[in-house]
Amino acid sequence: MAQMITAAQMRSARALLGIDQRQLAELSGLSVPTIQRMEASEGVVRGNVDSLMKLVAALDAAGVELIGEGAVSQGGGRGVRLKAPTMGIAAEAGKGPDNDPNMPSPKVA
C-alpha cells in the first residue's frame, strides 16, 4: 500500500528541495497536471496507487522523509513538522496585535 501523503507535505517537500512542480513531475515520472491536482487536494492526496508510489519514491530518492501523523522520524537531518492542531493559522486570522484592538501595540525602540 502506498504511504499517505498530504498536499501540504508535497508542497513542503518541494520547498525543502528547492524544486518546482515541473521538476517534481520529471523526478516522479508523472505529468505536471497530475502534480498540480495532487497539490490542490484537501488533506490526504488522492490518486491511483501507482502514481502515489512514484511520487513517494521520487521524494525519498531526493532526500525527503515523509513523517506520518504521530510517527517518529527515523532519519537524521533537519526538517519541519506541524504541531498537533490546536488553533491553526486560519482560526487565528484577524487576531493579534495588528488586527485586534484589544491587543496593545508593540513598543518600537
Protein backbone atom coordinates (compact mmCIF):
# COMPACT_ATOMS: atom_id res chain seq x y z
CA MET A 1 0.00 0.00 0.00
CA ALA A 2 1.28 3.48 -0.83
CA GLN A 3 2.28 5.74 2.01
CA MET A 4 -0.20 8.50 2.70
CA ILE A 5 0.97 11.98 1.81
CA THR A 6 -0.87 15.25 2.22
CA ALA A 7 -0.92 18.12 -0.23
CA ALA A 8 0.84 20.25 2.40
CA GLN A 9 3.60 17.64 2.68
CA MET A 10 4.03 17.69 -1.10
CA ARG A 11 4.35 21.47 -1.22
CA SER A 12 6.68 21.45 1.78
CA ALA A 13 8.84 18.73 0.27
CA ARG A 14 9.20 20.71 -2.95
CA ALA A 15 10.12 23.82 -0.98
CA LEU A 16 12.75 21.93 1.04
CA LEU A 17 14.23 20.55 -2.17
CA GLY A 18 14.01 23.91 -3.95
CA ILE A 19 12.18 22.45 -6.95
CA ASP A 20 9.05 23.45 -8.84
CA GLN A 21 6.09 21.31 -9.93
CA ARG A 22 7.67 20.64 -13.33
CA GLN A 23 10.83 19.29 -11.71
CA LEU A 24 8.84 17.09 -9.32
CA ALA A 25 6.89 15.75 -12.30
CA GLU A 26 10.16 14.86 -14.04
CA LEU A 27 11.61 13.20 -10.92
CA SER A 28 8.48 11.13 -10.35
CA GLY A 29 7.59 10.31 -13.96
CA LEU A 30 4.18 11.95 -13.51
CA SER A 31 2.62 14.75 -15.54
CA VAL A 32 2.59 18.37 -14.36
CA PRO A 33 -1.26 18.38 -14.29
CA THR A 34 -1.16 15.29 -12.04
CA ILE A 35 1.24 17.04 -9.64
CA GLN A 36 -0.96 20.16 -9.71
CA ARG A 37 -4.09 18.11 -9.00
CA MET A 38 -2.40 16.30 -6.12
CA GLU A 39 -1.17 19.53 -4.56
CA ALA A 40 -4.63 21.10 -4.88
CA SER A 41 -6.15 18.28 -2.81
CA GLU A 42 -7.66 18.92 0.59
CA GLY A 43 -5.80 16.88 3.19
CA VAL A 44 -4.52 13.48 2.08
CA VAL A 45 -3.65 13.29 -1.62
CA ARG A 46 -5.94 11.04 -3.59
CA GLY A 47 -4.73 9.23 -6.67
CA ASN A 48 -4.04 5.81 -8.05
CA VAL A 49 -1.61 3.69 -6.06
CA ASP A 50 0.98 3.62 -8.86
CA SER A 51 1.13 7.43 -9.07
CA LEU A 52 1.36 7.79 -5.29
CA MET A 53 4.15 5.21 -5.12
CA LYS A 54 6.08 7.03 -7.86
CA LEU A 55 5.66 10.34 -6.05
CA VAL A 56 6.75 9.00 -2.64
CA ALA A 57 9.70 7.12 -4.20
CA ALA A 58 10.87 10.24 -6.03
CA LEU A 59 10.71 12.35 -2.87
CA ASP A 60 12.52 9.64 -0.92
CA ALA A 61 15.26 9.39 -3.56
CA ALA A 62 15.65 13.17 -3.47
CA GLY A 63 16.21 13.03 0.31
CA VAL A 64 12.79 13.80 1.78
CA GLU A 65 11.47 11.75 4.70
CA LEU A 66 7.69 11.77 4.97
CA ILE A 67 6.63 11.60 8.60
CA GLY A 68 3.10 10.41 9.29
CA GLU A 69 0.82 11.77 11.99
CA GLY A 70 2.20 10.75 15.38
CA ALA A 71 5.17 8.92 13.84
CA VAL A 72 8.77 9.34 14.92
CA SER A 73 11.37 10.43 12.38
CA GLN A 74 13.83 7.62 11.68
CA GLY A 75 16.45 9.73 9.96
CA GLY A 76 18.73 12.49 10.98
CA GLY A 77 18.90 15.86 9.37
CA ARG A 78 16.80 18.94 9.70
CA GLY A 79 13.13 19.18 8.96
CA VAL A 80 9.85 20.85 9.62
CA ARG A 81 6.82 19.31 11.24
CA LEU A 82 3.36 20.65 12.04
CA LYS A 83 2.34 20.58 15.67
CA ALA A 84 -0.92 18.96 16.69
CA PRO A 85 -3.71 21.28 15.61
CA THR A 86 -4.92 23.40 18.48
CA MET A 87 -5.76 26.67 16.84
CA GLY A 88 -4.44 26.90 13.30
CA ILE A 89 -3.43 29.94 11.33
CA ALA A 90 -6.81 30.09 9.62
CA ALA A 91 -8.52 30.24 13.01
CA GLU A 92 -6.11 32.94 14.08
CA ALA A 93 -6.72 35.10 11.01
CA GLY A 94 -7.75 38.55 12.07
CA LYS A 95 -6.29 38.19 15.57
CA GLY A 96 -3.10 39.54 17.05
CA PRO A 97 -1.56 42.95 17.62
CA ASP A 98 -2.06 44.10 14.02
CA ASN A 99 -5.77 43.33 13.90
CA ASP A 100 -7.09 43.10 17.45
CA PRO A 101 -7.97 46.43 19.02
CA ASN A 102 -7.75 44.77 22.46
CA MET A 103 -4.10 43.84 22.00
CA PRO A 104 -1.55 46.52 22.86
CA SER A 105 0.68 47.75 20.07
CA PRO A 106 4.26 46.53 20.27
CA LYS A 107 6.76 49.08 21.54
CA VAL A 108 9.12 50.44 18.91
CA ALA A 109 12.57 51.39 20.12
